[in-house]
Amino acid sequence: MRVTGLMVQYYFTCKRELWFFSRGINFDFENDDMIIGRIIHEEAREGDWKEILLEDIKIDAIKRKGGLRVIEIKKSSKLEEPAKWQLKYYLYYLKKAGIEAVGIISYPKEGRQEEIKLTEEDIRVLEDAIKEIEEIVASDKPPKAVKKPYCKKCSYRDFCWI
């Protein structure tokens, strides 16, 4: 099993969501928020940005001008911390391959970007998270549901609260 950036984002958002996703329990891809997110993603990419796929890792965009920048495009900053960890995972993945980069989270709807750097402490947190992600995915049962502010918009909410 290969850990992906989306799995890292789900880990920092909701471990139960991670478990459902790992089982192929379908995400609501026609959900209005998902559709809006895909449109924003397509419209936000600038001319010299290139989407890249490395094995199972899909990076929204890279920019080489002025040093390698890995860009993660998000609809909103509502899940800012999980998005930062997803981007830090991409930086970690590239670093392990001998590639140094800086991350940029872009929130086009909010008109802002944030630069993200990978620290040694981030690497330790990510390595612990990767181990726990592997344990969660290997588990026969999902983690217990934990009520969070964004549960009401989650496409997995019915699996937790009904």
Protein backbone atom coordinates (compact mmCIF):
# COMPACT_ATOMS: atom_id res chain seq x y z
CA MET A 1 0.00 0.00 0.00
CA ARG A 2 1.30 3.43 -0.91
CA VAL A 3 0.26 6.43 1.17
CA THR A 4 -1.04 9.30 -0.97
CA GLY A 5 -1.35 13.01 -0.28
CA LEU A 6 -5.11 12.71 -0.07
CA MET A 7 -4.73 10.00 2.58
CA VAL A 8 -2.50 12.35 4.58
CA GLN A 9 -5.10 15.11 4.26
CA TYR A 10 -7.84 12.73 5.44
CA TYR A 11 -5.64 11.57 8.33
CA PHE A 12 -5.35 15.13 9.60
CA THR A 13 -9.03 15.83 8.89
CA CYS A 14 -10.77 12.64 10.04
CA LYS A 15 -9.25 9.19 10.53
CA ARG A 16 -12.63 7.58 9.92
CA GLU A 17 -12.90 9.32 6.54
CA LEU A 18 -9.43 7.96 5.75
CA TRP A 19 -10.56 4.41 6.52
CA PHE A 20 -13.69 4.70 4.31
CA PHE A 21 -11.64 6.20 1.48
CA SER A 22 -9.06 3.40 1.75
CA ARG A 23 -11.84 0.85 1.25
CA GLY A 24 -13.05 2.47 -1.96
CA ILE A 25 -16.30 3.48 -0.30
CA ASN A 26 -17.38 6.01 -2.85
CA PHE A 27 -16.84 9.67 -2.30
CA ASP A 28 -19.63 11.87 -3.61
CA PHE A 29 -17.85 13.23 -6.69
CA GLU A 30 -21.02 14.99 -7.86
CA ASN A 31 -21.36 16.90 -4.60
CA ASP A 32 -21.63 20.66 -5.36
CA ASP A 33 -18.51 21.42 -3.29
CA MET A 34 -16.51 18.83 -5.25
CA ILE A 35 -17.68 20.20 -8.60
CA ILE A 36 -16.85 23.78 -7.55
CA GLY A 37 -13.44 22.61 -6.33
CA ARG A 38 -12.64 20.97 -9.68
CA ILE A 39 -13.65 24.13 -11.57
CA ILE A 40 -11.52 26.33 -9.29
CA HIS A 41 -8.61 23.93 -9.71
CA GLU A 42 -8.78 24.14 -13.50
CA GLU A 43 -9.24 27.91 -13.62
CA ALA A 44 -6.50 28.63 -11.06
CA ARG A 45 -3.62 27.03 -12.93
CA GLU A 46 -1.38 29.57 -14.54
CA GLY A 47 0.27 29.08 -17.93
CA ASP A 48 3.61 27.75 -16.71
CA TRP A 49 2.17 25.44 -14.03
CA LYS A 50 2.33 21.74 -14.82
CA GLU A 51 0.31 19.00 -13.12
CA ILE A 52 2.50 16.02 -12.24
CA LEU A 53 1.89 12.38 -11.34
CA LEU A 54 4.64 10.53 -9.48
CA GLU A 55 3.63 6.90 -8.99
CA ASP A 56 0.44 7.31 -6.89
CA ILE A 57 1.18 10.91 -5.91
CA LYS A 58 -0.74 13.55 -7.88
CA ILE A 59 0.55 17.06 -7.42
CA ASP A 60 -1.82 19.82 -8.55
CA ALA A 61 0.91 21.90 -10.13
CA ILE A 62 4.62 22.57 -10.16
CA LYS A 63 6.41 25.71 -11.15
CA ARG A 64 10.12 25.70 -11.93
CA LYS A 65 10.75 29.42 -12.36
CA GLY A 66 12.78 30.73 -9.41
CA GLY A 67 13.28 27.25 -7.90
CA LEU A 68 10.95 24.28 -7.74
CA ARG A 69 7.57 25.12 -6.23
CA VAL A 70 4.92 22.51 -5.53
CA ILE A 71 1.47 24.06 -5.67
CA GLU A 72 -1.65 22.71 -4.00
CA ILE A 73 -4.87 24.42 -5.09
CA LYS A 74 -7.74 24.47 -2.59
CA LYS A 75 -11.28 25.78 -2.84
CA SER A 76 -11.09 27.39 0.59
CA SER A 77 -8.95 27.56 3.70
CA LYS A 78 -11.64 25.82 5.76
CA LEU A 79 -9.43 22.73 6.13
CA GLU A 80 -6.18 24.68 6.14
CA GLU A 81 -4.15 22.48 8.50
CA PRO A 82 -4.93 19.19 6.71
CA ALA A 83 -4.12 20.91 3.38
CA LYS A 84 -0.76 22.06 4.77
CA TRP A 85 0.06 18.50 5.83
CA GLN A 86 -0.92 17.17 2.41
CA LEU A 87 1.48 19.64 0.82
CA LYS A 88 4.21 18.89 3.37
CA TYR A 89 3.81 15.20 2.47
CA TYR A 90 4.50 16.04 -1.19
CA LEU A 91 7.61 17.99 -0.14
CA TYR A 92 8.68 15.04 2.04
CA TYR A 93 8.08 12.58 -0.80
CA LEU A 94 10.18 14.69 -3.17
CA LYS A 95 12.91 15.19 -0.55
CA LYS A 96 13.20 11.41 -0.16
CA ALA A 97 13.79 11.29 -3.93
CA GLY A 98 16.54 13.91 -3.59
CA ILE A 99 14.44 16.83 -4.84
CA GLU A 100 14.27 20.01 -2.78
CA ALA A 101 11.18 22.18 -3.22
CA VAL A 102 9.06 24.82 -1.53
CA GLY A 103 5.30 24.45 -1.27
CA ILE A 104 2.58 26.94 -2.10
CA ILE A 105 -1.04 26.53 -1.05
CA SER A 106 -3.22 28.58 -3.36
CA TYR A 107 -6.73 29.67 -2.36
CA PRO A 108 -7.89 31.35 -5.62
CA LYS A 109 -11.39 32.13 -4.33
CA GLU A 110 -9.87 33.92 -1.34
CA GLY A 111 -7.19 35.61 -3.45
CA ARG A 112 -4.28 34.38 -1.37
CA GLN A 113 -1.38 31.99 -1.35
CA GLU A 114 0.80 30.72 1.47
CA GLU A 115 4.36 29.42 1.25
CA ILE A 116 5.00 26.16 3.08
CA LYS A 117 8.40 24.76 4.00
CA LEU A 118 9.23 21.30 5.30
CA THR A 119 11.04 21.26 8.66
CA GLU A 120 12.78 18.42 10.47
CA GLU A 121 9.91 18.40 13.00
CA ASP A 122 7.42 18.12 10.10
CA ILE A 123 9.32 15.08 8.85
CA ARG A 124 9.03 13.39 12.26
CA VAL A 125 5.28 14.18 12.42
CA LEU A 126 4.77 12.85 8.88
CA GLU A 127 6.70 9.65 9.53
CA ASP A 128 4.54 8.98 12.61
CA ALA A 129 1.40 9.84 10.62
CA ILE A 130 2.39 7.48 7.79
CA LYS A 131 2.77 4.61 10.28
CA GLU A 132 -0.64 5.38 11.78
CA ILE A 133 -2.23 5.70 8.32
CA GLU A 134 -0.93 2.22 7.50
CA GLU A 135 -2.42 0.89 10.76
CA ILE A 136 -5.79 2.56 10.12
CA VAL A 137 -5.96 1.21 6.57
CA ALA A 138 -4.99 -2.31 7.76
CA SER A 139 -7.68 -2.28 10.46
CA ASP A 140 -10.83 -4.35 9.95
CA LYS A 141 -13.00 -1.65 11.49
CA PRO A 142 -13.10 2.12 11.05
CA PRO A 143 -11.98 4.38 13.89
CA LYS A 144 -14.77 5.72 16.08
CA ALA A 145 -16.67 8.73 14.78
CA VAL A 146 -15.56 12.04 16.25
CA LYS A 147 -17.91 15.02 15.82
CA LYS A 148 -16.17 17.87 14.01
CA PRO A 149 -17.49 21.20 12.69
CA TYR A 150 -17.28 20.08 9.08
CA CYS A 151 -19.13 16.74 9.54
CA LYS A 152 -22.41 18.17 8.24
CA LYS A 153 -20.85 18.78 4.78
CA CYS A 154 -18.85 15.55 4.66
CA SER A 155 -19.95 13.06 2.03
CA TYR A 156 -19.35 10.22 4.54
CA ARG A 157 -21.58 11.77 7.25
CA ASP A 158 -24.30 9.14 6.83
CA PHE A 159 -21.79 6.41 7.71
CA CYS A 160 -21.09 8.12 11.03
CA TRP A 161 -24.22 9.84 12.26
CA ILE A 162 -27.26 7.90 11.05
